[in-house]
Amino acid sequence: MKRMIGIGGLAGLVLATGSANAAVATSTFGVTLAITAQCVINSTTTLDFGSNGVINANIDTNSPLVVQCTNTTPYTVALDKGTSSGGTITQRKLINGGATVNYNLYTDTPGGTLWGDGTNGVTLAGTGNGAAQTITIYGRIPAQTTAAPGTYTDTITVTVTY
């Protein structure tokens, strides 16, 4: 029995001695990220004027546009004239077949500052803060001769320049 204990003690001594001879190597490495100026359109929502009969008074509404730009990045938001035939920046048109309903888009309040495409009207300027920013698009259908019943539509292209 003494012999076994002696061998066990010797094995422990060998293991302890082996640990004492271990070496450690270290190094470092860099970590980097280049953030470039960027803007994205997170979401748009249909500008819905609802359901109406005779258009004998202004119909006003609004919808959100959510833009996200890198912190401190200046940007402008432009809205085109739409896809409806005969529409312009100063008089956009909702269409149903050959019938139209006049409307327009504004940067501040319905009937306020006309929202343009960068050539006509004004664009809305902002500065990114790194988070999503909600911009309100205001719309107005002015009083006008009422077109035939039906659903009238248009499609606007949003352009964010940064």
N, C-alpha and C. Protein backbone atom coordinates (compact mmCIF):
# COMPACT_ATOMS: atom_id res chain seq x y z
N MET A 1 0.80 -1.19 0.00
CA MET A 1 0.00 0.00 0.00
C MET A 1 0.85 1.26 0.00
N LYS A 2 1.93 1.24 0.72
CA LYS A 2 2.78 2.41 0.72
C LYS A 2 3.31 2.70 -0.66
N ARG A 3 3.58 1.61 -1.37
CA ARG A 3 4.09 1.79 -2.71
C ARG A 3 3.05 2.49 -3.60
N MET A 4 1.81 2.15 -3.54
CA MET A 4 0.77 2.78 -4.34
C MET A 4 0.62 4.24 -3.98
N ILE A 5 0.67 4.54 -2.72
CA ILE A 5 0.56 5.93 -2.30
C ILE A 5 1.76 6.70 -2.83
N GLY A 6 2.89 6.11 -2.80
CA GLY A 6 4.10 6.77 -3.30
C GLY A 6 4.00 7.04 -4.79
N ILE A 7 3.45 6.11 -5.56
CA ILE A 7 3.31 6.31 -7.00
C ILE A 7 2.27 7.40 -7.27
N GLY A 8 1.17 7.39 -6.51
CA GLY A 8 0.14 8.42 -6.66
C GLY A 8 0.72 9.80 -6.34
N GLY A 9 1.50 9.89 -5.29
CA GLY A 9 2.12 11.16 -4.93
C GLY A 9 3.09 11.61 -5.99
N LEU A 10 3.83 10.65 -6.57
CA LEU A 10 4.78 10.98 -7.65
C LEU A 10 4.04 11.48 -8.89
N ALA A 11 2.91 10.86 -9.22
CA ALA A 11 2.13 11.31 -10.37
C ALA A 11 1.62 12.73 -10.14
N GLY A 12 1.16 13.03 -8.94
CA GLY A 12 0.70 14.38 -8.61
C GLY A 12 1.82 15.38 -8.73
N LEU A 13 3.02 15.00 -8.31
CA LEU A 13 4.16 15.88 -8.41
C LEU A 13 4.52 16.15 -9.87
N VAL A 14 4.42 15.14 -10.72
CA VAL A 14 4.71 15.31 -12.14
C VAL A 14 3.68 16.25 -12.77
N LEU A 15 2.40 16.09 -12.44
CA LEU A 15 1.37 16.96 -12.99
C LEU A 15 1.57 18.40 -12.52
N ALA A 16 1.88 18.59 -11.27
CA ALA A 16 2.09 19.93 -10.74
C ALA A 16 3.29 20.58 -11.42
N THR A 17 4.32 19.80 -11.65
CA THR A 17 5.50 20.32 -12.29
C THR A 17 5.21 20.69 -13.74
N GLY A 18 4.39 19.88 -14.45
CA GLY A 18 4.04 20.16 -15.84
C GLY A 18 3.28 21.47 -15.95
N SER A 19 2.37 21.76 -15.04
CA SER A 19 1.61 23.00 -15.06
C SER A 19 2.51 24.20 -14.84
N ALA A 20 3.49 24.06 -14.07
CA ALA A 20 4.39 25.17 -13.77
C ALA A 20 5.21 25.57 -15.00
N ASN A 21 5.38 24.65 -15.93
CA ASN A 21 6.19 24.93 -17.12
C ASN A 21 5.37 25.46 -18.29
N ALA A 22 4.00 25.63 -18.14
CA ALA A 22 3.16 26.10 -19.24
C ALA A 22 3.48 27.56 -19.56
N ALA A 23 3.40 27.92 -20.85
CA ALA A 23 3.64 29.29 -21.29
C ALA A 23 2.34 29.87 -21.85
N VAL A 24 2.20 31.18 -21.83
CA VAL A 24 1.01 31.86 -22.33
C VAL A 24 1.46 32.88 -23.38
N ALA A 25 0.72 32.90 -24.51
CA ALA A 25 0.99 33.90 -25.54
C ALA A 25 -0.27 34.73 -25.71
N THR A 26 -0.12 36.02 -25.87
CA THR A 26 -1.28 36.89 -26.12
C THR A 26 -1.00 37.77 -27.33
N SER A 27 -2.07 38.28 -27.87
CA SER A 27 -1.97 39.20 -28.99
C SER A 27 -3.22 40.07 -28.94
N THR A 28 -3.30 41.03 -29.80
CA THR A 28 -4.47 41.90 -29.89
C THR A 28 -4.90 42.00 -31.34
N PHE A 29 -6.13 42.44 -31.56
CA PHE A 29 -6.59 42.72 -32.91
C PHE A 29 -7.51 43.93 -32.85
N GLY A 30 -7.61 44.64 -33.93
CA GLY A 30 -8.44 45.84 -34.00
C GLY A 30 -9.87 45.48 -34.40
N VAL A 31 -10.78 46.34 -34.06
CA VAL A 31 -12.18 46.22 -34.46
C VAL A 31 -12.56 47.56 -35.07
N THR A 32 -13.18 47.54 -36.25
CA THR A 32 -13.50 48.79 -36.93
C THR A 32 -14.85 48.71 -37.62
N LEU A 33 -15.46 49.85 -37.81
CA LEU A 33 -16.71 49.98 -38.56
C LEU A 33 -16.70 51.36 -39.20
N ALA A 34 -16.94 51.41 -40.48
CA ALA A 34 -17.06 52.69 -41.19
C ALA A 34 -18.54 52.93 -41.44
N ILE A 35 -19.09 53.99 -40.87
CA ILE A 35 -20.49 54.34 -41.10
C ILE A 35 -20.52 55.42 -42.17
N THR A 36 -21.27 55.14 -43.23
CA THR A 36 -21.40 56.10 -44.31
C THR A 36 -22.76 56.79 -44.22
N ALA A 37 -22.86 57.96 -44.77
CA ALA A 37 -24.13 58.67 -44.79
C ALA A 37 -25.15 57.85 -45.57
N GLN A 38 -26.32 57.66 -44.99
CA GLN A 38 -27.36 56.90 -45.67
C GLN A 38 -28.72 57.30 -45.14
N CYS A 39 -29.71 57.26 -45.99
CA CYS A 39 -31.11 57.44 -45.60
C CYS A 39 -31.92 56.30 -46.22
N VAL A 40 -32.92 55.85 -45.49
CA VAL A 40 -33.85 54.85 -46.00
C VAL A 40 -35.27 55.33 -45.69
N ILE A 41 -36.19 54.91 -46.52
CA ILE A 41 -37.61 55.16 -46.26
C ILE A 41 -38.13 53.91 -45.57
N ASN A 42 -38.46 54.05 -44.29
CA ASN A 42 -38.93 52.90 -43.53
C ASN A 42 -40.36 52.53 -43.89
N SER A 43 -41.21 53.53 -44.09
CA SER A 43 -42.60 53.22 -44.45
C SER A 43 -43.31 54.43 -45.01
N THR A 44 -44.32 54.13 -45.81
CA THR A 44 -45.25 55.13 -46.31
C THR A 44 -46.65 54.58 -46.05
N THR A 45 -47.63 55.45 -46.02
CA THR A 45 -49.01 55.05 -45.81
C THR A 45 -49.88 55.75 -46.85
N THR A 46 -50.90 55.07 -47.31
CA THR A 46 -51.82 55.67 -48.27
C THR A 46 -52.44 56.94 -47.70
N LEU A 47 -52.41 58.00 -48.48
CA LEU A 47 -53.08 59.25 -48.12
C LEU A 47 -54.54 59.06 -48.51
N ASP A 48 -55.39 58.81 -47.53
CA ASP A 48 -56.78 58.42 -47.76
C ASP A 48 -57.72 59.58 -47.47
N PHE A 49 -58.37 60.09 -48.50
CA PHE A 49 -59.35 61.17 -48.34
C PHE A 49 -60.72 60.64 -47.91
N GLY A 50 -60.85 59.36 -47.77
CA GLY A 50 -62.10 58.77 -47.30
C GLY A 50 -63.13 58.66 -48.41
N SER A 51 -64.38 58.63 -48.01
CA SER A 51 -65.51 58.51 -48.93
C SER A 51 -66.35 59.78 -48.80
N ASN A 52 -66.62 60.41 -49.92
CA ASN A 52 -67.35 61.67 -49.92
C ASN A 52 -68.36 61.70 -51.07
N GLY A 53 -69.34 62.56 -50.94
CA GLY A 53 -70.30 62.79 -52.02
C GLY A 53 -69.88 64.03 -52.77
N VAL A 54 -70.72 65.02 -52.78
CA VAL A 54 -70.45 66.29 -53.46
C VAL A 54 -69.24 66.96 -52.81
N ILE A 55 -68.32 67.42 -53.63
CA ILE A 55 -67.11 68.08 -53.12
C ILE A 55 -67.36 69.60 -53.13
N ASN A 56 -68.11 70.07 -52.13
CA ASN A 56 -68.46 71.50 -52.08
C ASN A 56 -67.68 72.25 -50.99
N ALA A 57 -66.71 71.55 -50.37
CA ALA A 57 -65.82 72.16 -49.37
C ALA A 57 -64.50 71.40 -49.41
N ASN A 58 -63.46 72.00 -48.86
CA ASN A 58 -62.15 71.33 -48.82
C ASN A 58 -62.26 70.00 -48.06
N ILE A 59 -61.54 69.00 -48.55
CA ILE A 59 -61.40 67.72 -47.85
C ILE A 59 -59.92 67.60 -47.50
N ASP A 60 -59.62 67.62 -46.22
CA ASP A 60 -58.22 67.59 -45.75
C ASP A 60 -57.91 66.27 -45.06
N THR A 61 -56.70 65.81 -45.22
CA THR A 61 -56.22 64.62 -44.53
C THR A 61 -54.70 64.67 -44.46
N ASN A 62 -54.10 63.67 -43.83
CA ASN A 62 -52.64 63.57 -43.78
C ASN A 62 -52.24 62.12 -43.62
N SER A 63 -50.98 61.84 -43.87
CA SER A 63 -50.44 60.49 -43.68
C SER A 63 -48.96 60.60 -43.31
N PRO A 64 -48.46 59.59 -42.58
CA PRO A 64 -47.05 59.63 -42.17
C PRO A 64 -46.11 59.02 -43.21
N LEU A 65 -44.94 59.59 -43.25
CA LEU A 65 -43.81 59.07 -44.03
C LEU A 65 -42.70 58.91 -43.01
N VAL A 66 -42.11 57.72 -42.91
CA VAL A 66 -41.06 57.48 -41.91
C VAL A 66 -39.73 57.31 -42.63
N VAL A 67 -38.78 58.23 -42.30
CA VAL A 67 -37.46 58.26 -42.90
C VAL A 67 -36.44 58.04 -41.79
N GLN A 68 -35.39 57.31 -42.10
CA GLN A 68 -34.31 57.11 -41.14
C GLN A 68 -32.98 57.39 -41.82
N CYS A 69 -32.23 58.34 -41.25
CA CYS A 69 -30.93 58.73 -41.80
C CYS A 69 -29.87 58.64 -40.70
N THR A 70 -28.64 58.39 -41.11
CA THR A 70 -27.55 58.37 -40.16
C THR A 70 -27.47 59.71 -39.45
N ASN A 71 -26.99 59.69 -38.23
CA ASN A 71 -26.90 60.88 -37.40
C ASN A 71 -26.12 61.98 -38.12
N THR A 72 -26.62 63.18 -38.08
CA THR A 72 -26.07 64.42 -38.65
C THR A 72 -26.13 64.48 -40.19
N THR A 73 -26.78 63.52 -40.83
CA THR A 73 -26.87 63.53 -42.29
C THR A 73 -28.02 64.43 -42.74
N PRO A 74 -27.73 65.50 -43.47
CA PRO A 74 -28.80 66.36 -43.98
C PRO A 74 -29.51 65.66 -45.15
N TYR A 75 -30.82 65.86 -45.25
CA TYR A 75 -31.58 65.25 -46.33
C TYR A 75 -32.73 66.16 -46.75
N THR A 76 -33.26 65.90 -47.94
CA THR A 76 -34.47 66.56 -48.41
C THR A 76 -35.43 65.49 -48.92
N VAL A 77 -36.72 65.77 -48.76
CA VAL A 77 -37.76 64.85 -49.23
C VAL A 77 -38.55 65.56 -50.32
N ALA A 78 -38.63 64.92 -51.48
CA ALA A 78 -39.38 65.45 -52.62
C ALA A 78 -40.50 64.48 -52.97
N LEU A 79 -41.62 65.03 -53.46
CA LEU A 79 -42.76 64.24 -53.92
C LEU A 79 -43.03 64.63 -55.37
N ASP A 80 -43.13 63.63 -56.25
CA ASP A 80 -43.36 63.96 -57.65
C ASP A 80 -44.83 64.31 -57.91
N LYS A 81 -45.16 64.57 -59.16
CA LYS A 81 -46.51 65.02 -59.55
C LYS A 81 -47.51 63.88 -59.58
N GLY A 82 -47.05 62.66 -59.43
CA GLY A 82 -47.94 61.51 -59.49
C GLY A 82 -47.97 60.89 -60.88
N THR A 83 -48.64 59.76 -60.97
CA THR A 83 -48.68 59.03 -62.25
C THR A 83 -49.91 59.36 -63.08
N SER A 84 -50.84 60.13 -62.54
CA SER A 84 -52.07 60.46 -63.27
C SER A 84 -51.80 61.41 -64.42
N SER A 85 -52.39 61.13 -65.55
CA SER A 85 -52.24 61.98 -66.72
C SER A 85 -52.78 63.38 -66.43
N GLY A 86 -51.99 64.38 -66.79
CA GLY A 86 -52.40 65.77 -66.61
C GLY A 86 -52.04 66.35 -65.25
N GLY A 87 -51.53 65.52 -64.34
CA GLY A 87 -51.13 66.02 -63.03
C GLY A 87 -49.86 66.85 -63.11
N THR A 88 -49.78 67.87 -62.26
CA THR A 88 -48.58 68.70 -62.16
C THR A 88 -48.29 68.88 -60.67
N ILE A 89 -47.16 69.48 -60.36
CA ILE A 89 -46.83 69.77 -58.97
C ILE A 89 -47.84 70.75 -58.38
N THR A 90 -48.31 71.69 -59.18
CA THR A 90 -49.26 72.68 -58.67
C THR A 90 -50.70 72.20 -58.70
N GLN A 91 -50.98 71.09 -59.42
CA GLN A 91 -52.33 70.53 -59.44
C GLN A 91 -52.27 69.03 -59.74
N ARG A 92 -52.13 68.25 -58.69
CA ARG A 92 -52.11 66.80 -58.85
C ARG A 92 -53.53 66.32 -59.12
N LYS A 93 -53.63 65.10 -59.67
CA LYS A 93 -54.95 64.59 -60.05
C LYS A 93 -55.13 63.14 -59.61
N LEU A 94 -56.30 62.88 -59.04
CA LEU A 94 -56.76 61.51 -58.81
C LEU A 94 -57.56 61.13 -60.05
N ILE A 95 -57.42 59.89 -60.52
CA ILE A 95 -58.13 59.52 -61.74
C ILE A 95 -58.96 58.25 -61.54
N ASN A 96 -60.01 58.18 -62.35
CA ASN A 96 -60.83 56.98 -62.49
C ASN A 96 -61.27 56.97 -63.95
N GLY A 97 -60.58 56.15 -64.75
CA GLY A 97 -60.83 56.18 -66.19
C GLY A 97 -60.40 57.53 -66.72
N GLY A 98 -61.33 58.24 -67.38
CA GLY A 98 -61.02 59.56 -67.91
C GLY A 98 -61.41 60.69 -66.97
N ALA A 99 -62.07 60.37 -65.86
CA ALA A 99 -62.52 61.39 -64.91
C ALA A 99 -61.41 61.69 -63.90
N THR A 100 -61.36 62.94 -63.42
CA THR A 100 -60.32 63.34 -62.47
C THR A 100 -60.90 64.13 -61.31
N VAL A 101 -60.16 64.12 -60.21
CA VAL A 101 -60.43 64.95 -59.04
C VAL A 101 -59.11 65.63 -58.69
N ASN A 102 -59.12 66.96 -58.59
CA ASN A 102 -57.91 67.71 -58.27
C ASN A 102 -57.59 67.60 -56.78
N TYR A 103 -56.30 67.54 -56.47
CA TYR A 103 -55.83 67.53 -55.08
C TYR A 103 -54.42 68.06 -55.06
N ASN A 104 -53.90 68.28 -53.85
CA ASN A 104 -52.49 68.62 -53.74
C ASN A 104 -51.92 68.21 -52.40
N LEU A 105 -50.59 68.30 -52.32
CA LEU A 105 -49.83 67.86 -51.14
C LEU A 105 -49.04 69.04 -50.59
N TYR A 106 -48.94 69.08 -49.26
CA TYR A 106 -48.33 70.23 -48.59
C TYR A 106 -47.35 69.77 -47.50
N THR A 107 -46.36 70.61 -47.26
CA THR A 107 -45.32 70.28 -46.27
C THR A 107 -45.70 70.62 -44.84
N ASP A 108 -46.63 71.57 -44.66
CA ASP A 108 -46.87 72.07 -43.30
C ASP A 108 -48.33 71.93 -42.85
N THR A 109 -49.27 72.38 -43.62
CA THR A 109 -50.69 72.27 -43.30
C THR A 109 -51.45 72.13 -44.61
N PRO A 110 -52.66 71.58 -44.59
CA PRO A 110 -53.43 71.54 -45.83
C PRO A 110 -53.63 72.95 -46.37
N GLY A 111 -53.30 73.16 -47.63
CA GLY A 111 -53.41 74.49 -48.23
C GLY A 111 -52.22 75.38 -47.94
N GLY A 112 -51.20 74.85 -47.24
CA GLY A 112 -50.03 75.64 -46.88
C GLY A 112 -48.98 75.67 -47.97
N THR A 113 -47.77 75.20 -47.66
CA THR A 113 -46.66 75.22 -48.60
C THR A 113 -46.72 73.98 -49.50
N LEU A 114 -46.82 74.23 -50.79
CA LEU A 114 -46.92 73.17 -51.79
C LEU A 114 -45.67 72.28 -51.76
N TRP A 115 -45.88 70.97 -51.68
CA TRP A 115 -44.75 70.03 -51.65
C TRP A 115 -44.34 69.73 -53.08
N GLY A 116 -43.09 69.97 -53.40
CA GLY A 116 -42.62 69.80 -54.76
C GLY A 116 -41.66 68.66 -54.97
N ASP A 117 -41.17 68.61 -56.20
CA ASP A 117 -40.28 67.53 -56.62
C ASP A 117 -38.82 67.95 -56.68
N GLY A 118 -38.51 69.16 -56.21
CA GLY A 118 -37.15 69.66 -56.26
C GLY A 118 -36.96 70.63 -57.41
N THR A 119 -37.87 70.62 -58.39
CA THR A 119 -37.84 71.56 -59.50
C THR A 119 -38.94 72.59 -59.31
N ASN A 120 -40.14 72.12 -59.01
CA ASN A 120 -41.29 73.00 -58.73
C ASN A 120 -41.73 72.74 -57.30
N GLY A 121 -42.25 73.78 -56.65
CA GLY A 121 -42.64 73.63 -55.25
C GLY A 121 -41.39 73.52 -54.39
N VAL A 122 -41.57 73.23 -53.13
CA VAL A 122 -40.42 73.11 -52.22
C VAL A 122 -40.28 71.67 -51.76
N THR A 123 -39.08 71.34 -51.34
CA THR A 123 -38.84 70.04 -50.72
C THR A 123 -38.75 70.27 -49.22
N LEU A 124 -38.92 69.23 -48.47
CA LEU A 124 -38.83 69.33 -47.02
C LEU A 124 -37.43 68.91 -46.59
N ALA A 125 -36.74 69.76 -45.85
CA ALA A 125 -35.37 69.48 -45.42
C ALA A 125 -35.37 68.99 -43.98
N GLY A 126 -34.41 68.13 -43.68
CA GLY A 126 -34.25 67.64 -42.32
C GLY A 126 -32.81 67.19 -42.10
N THR A 127 -32.52 66.79 -40.88
CA THR A 127 -31.21 66.25 -40.53
C THR A 127 -31.44 64.96 -39.76
N GLY A 128 -30.78 63.90 -40.19
CA GLY A 128 -30.93 62.61 -39.53
C GLY A 128 -30.39 62.63 -38.12
N ASN A 129 -31.04 61.82 -37.26
CA ASN A 129 -30.55 61.66 -35.89
C ASN A 129 -30.23 60.20 -35.60
N GLY A 130 -30.22 59.36 -36.64
CA GLY A 130 -29.91 57.96 -36.48
C GLY A 130 -31.14 57.10 -36.22
N ALA A 131 -32.23 57.72 -35.80
CA ALA A 131 -33.47 57.00 -35.51
C ALA A 131 -34.51 57.31 -36.58
N ALA A 132 -35.58 56.55 -36.58
CA ALA A 132 -36.68 56.80 -37.51
C ALA A 132 -37.33 58.14 -37.18
N GLN A 133 -37.60 58.93 -38.21
CA GLN A 133 -38.24 60.23 -38.04
C GLN A 133 -39.52 60.25 -38.87
N THR A 134 -40.62 60.61 -38.23
CA THR A 134 -41.91 60.66 -38.91
C THR A 134 -42.15 62.05 -39.47
N ILE A 135 -42.47 62.09 -40.74
CA ILE A 135 -42.78 63.32 -41.46
C ILE A 135 -44.24 63.23 -41.88
N THR A 136 -44.99 64.29 -41.66
CA THR A 136 -46.40 64.28 -42.04
C THR A 136 -46.59 64.88 -43.42
N ILE A 137 -47.30 64.15 -44.27
CA ILE A 137 -47.68 64.64 -45.60
C ILE A 137 -49.13 65.09 -45.48
N TYR A 138 -49.39 66.36 -45.79
CA TYR A 138 -50.74 66.92 -45.71
C TYR A 138 -51.35 66.95 -47.12
N GLY A 139 -52.62 66.58 -47.21
CA GLY A 139 -53.31 66.59 -48.49
C GLY A 139 -54.60 67.36 -48.42
N ARG A 140 -54.97 67.95 -49.56
CA ARG A 140 -56.23 68.68 -49.65
C ARG A 140 -56.86 68.46 -51.03
N ILE A 141 -58.14 68.14 -51.01
CA ILE A 141 -58.96 68.20 -52.21
C ILE A 141 -59.78 69.48 -52.06
N PRO A 142 -59.59 70.46 -52.94
CA PRO A 142 -60.36 71.70 -52.82
C PRO A 142 -61.79 71.48 -53.34
N ALA A 143 -62.69 72.37 -52.94
CA ALA A 143 -64.05 72.35 -53.47
C ALA A 143 -63.96 72.42 -55.00
N GLN A 144 -64.76 71.61 -55.69
CA GLN A 144 -64.71 71.56 -57.15
C GLN A 144 -65.97 70.87 -57.67
N THR A 145 -66.17 70.95 -58.96
CA THR A 145 -67.27 70.22 -59.58
C THR A 145 -67.02 68.73 -59.34
N THR A 146 -68.01 68.07 -58.80
CA THR A 146 -67.84 66.67 -58.40
C THR A 146 -67.91 65.74 -59.60
N ALA A 147 -66.93 64.86 -59.67
CA ALA A 147 -66.87 63.86 -60.74
C ALA A 147 -67.88 62.74 -60.47
N ALA A 148 -68.01 61.83 -61.42
CA ALA A 148 -68.92 60.69 -61.29
C ALA A 148 -68.49 59.79 -60.13
N PRO A 149 -69.44 59.07 -59.52
CA PRO A 149 -69.09 58.15 -58.43
C PRO A 149 -68.05 57.11 -58.90
N GLY A 150 -67.18 56.73 -58.01
CA GLY A 150 -66.14 55.73 -58.30
C GLY A 150 -64.96 55.94 -57.37
N THR A 151 -63.96 55.11 -57.51
CA THR A 151 -62.74 55.22 -56.71
C THR A 151 -61.66 55.88 -57.56
N TYR A 152 -61.12 56.96 -57.06
CA TYR A 152 -60.11 57.75 -57.77
C TYR A 152 -58.76 57.55 -57.08
N THR A 153 -57.71 57.33 -57.87
CA THR A 153 -56.40 57.03 -57.29
C THR A 153 -55.28 57.77 -58.03
N ASP A 154 -54.15 57.80 -57.38
CA ASP A 154 -52.91 58.32 -57.95
C ASP A 154 -51.78 57.64 -57.19
N THR A 155 -50.59 57.65 -57.76
CA THR A 155 -49.41 57.10 -57.09
C THR A 155 -48.31 58.15 -57.11
N ILE A 156 -47.79 58.46 -55.93
CA ILE A 156 -46.74 59.47 -55.77
C ILE A 156 -45.42 58.76 -55.48
N THR A 157 -44.35 59.25 -56.09
CA THR A 157 -43.02 58.74 -55.79
C THR A 157 -42.32 59.68 -54.81
N VAL A 158 -41.82 59.11 -53.72
CA VAL A 158 -41.08 59.86 -52.70
C VAL A 158 -39.60 59.70 -53.01
N THR A 159 -38.87 60.81 -53.00
CA THR A 159 -37.41 60.77 -53.20
C THR A 159 -36.73 61.45 -52.04
N VAL A 160 -35.84 60.73 -51.37
CA VAL A 160 -35.05 61.28 -50.28
C VAL A 160 -33.63 61.45 -50.81
N THR A 161 -33.16 62.68 -50.81
CA THR A 161 -31.81 62.99 -51.29
C THR A 161 -30.95 63.35 -50.09
N TYR A 162 -29.76 62.75 -50.01
CA TYR A 162 -28.86 63.01 -48.88
C TYR A 162 -27.44 63.11 -49.35
